[in-house]
Amino acid sequence: MKDKVFLDTNILIYSIDASPGQNKKRNVARQILKEHIRNESGVISIQVLQEFYHVATHKIQVPLSTEESLEYLNYMSVFETVLPDFDMVVMAILLHRKHMISFWDALILQAAKTAGCSQVLSEDLQDGFCFDSLRVKNPFTIKS
């Protein structure tokens, strides 16, 4: 069985972003999604779904319609989805305070930890950051 991998919002956003100049990131994001659908190893959270809807319909250069966004969200429902609870929020607050990261980033990390993920793929979090056995990787950086 493959390790579980948490997919941050930017992976989903880049996979649909038709803005000029986003071809490389779009291709990487689509490959990541295909891999984790095929391996049944992808994990997202309610926060990721909420952020995706808002960014996809309001913040990208070529926004999706509500209908297109809902269709995409239905497609993403194949991923395990972490539901927040009180303990997760409290642990995220403590993580936010301990590591001086944003609360929202801490909530992503806590959701990934709760789901038993070994890795978080994110462009927004610090590449290489470790939280217990969880490691952050930026899949869009070019390693030489």
Foldseek 3Di string as FASTA:
>chain_A
DDFAEEEALVLLQLCPAPDPPSVVSNVLSVVVVVVCLVVLRYEYEPLSLVVNQCCQQPPGPDHDDNVVSVVSVVVVVSHHYQYDDPVLLVQLVVVCVVVVDDSVVSSSVSSCVVVRGQEYADPPDDQQDDDPNYGYHDSPDDDD
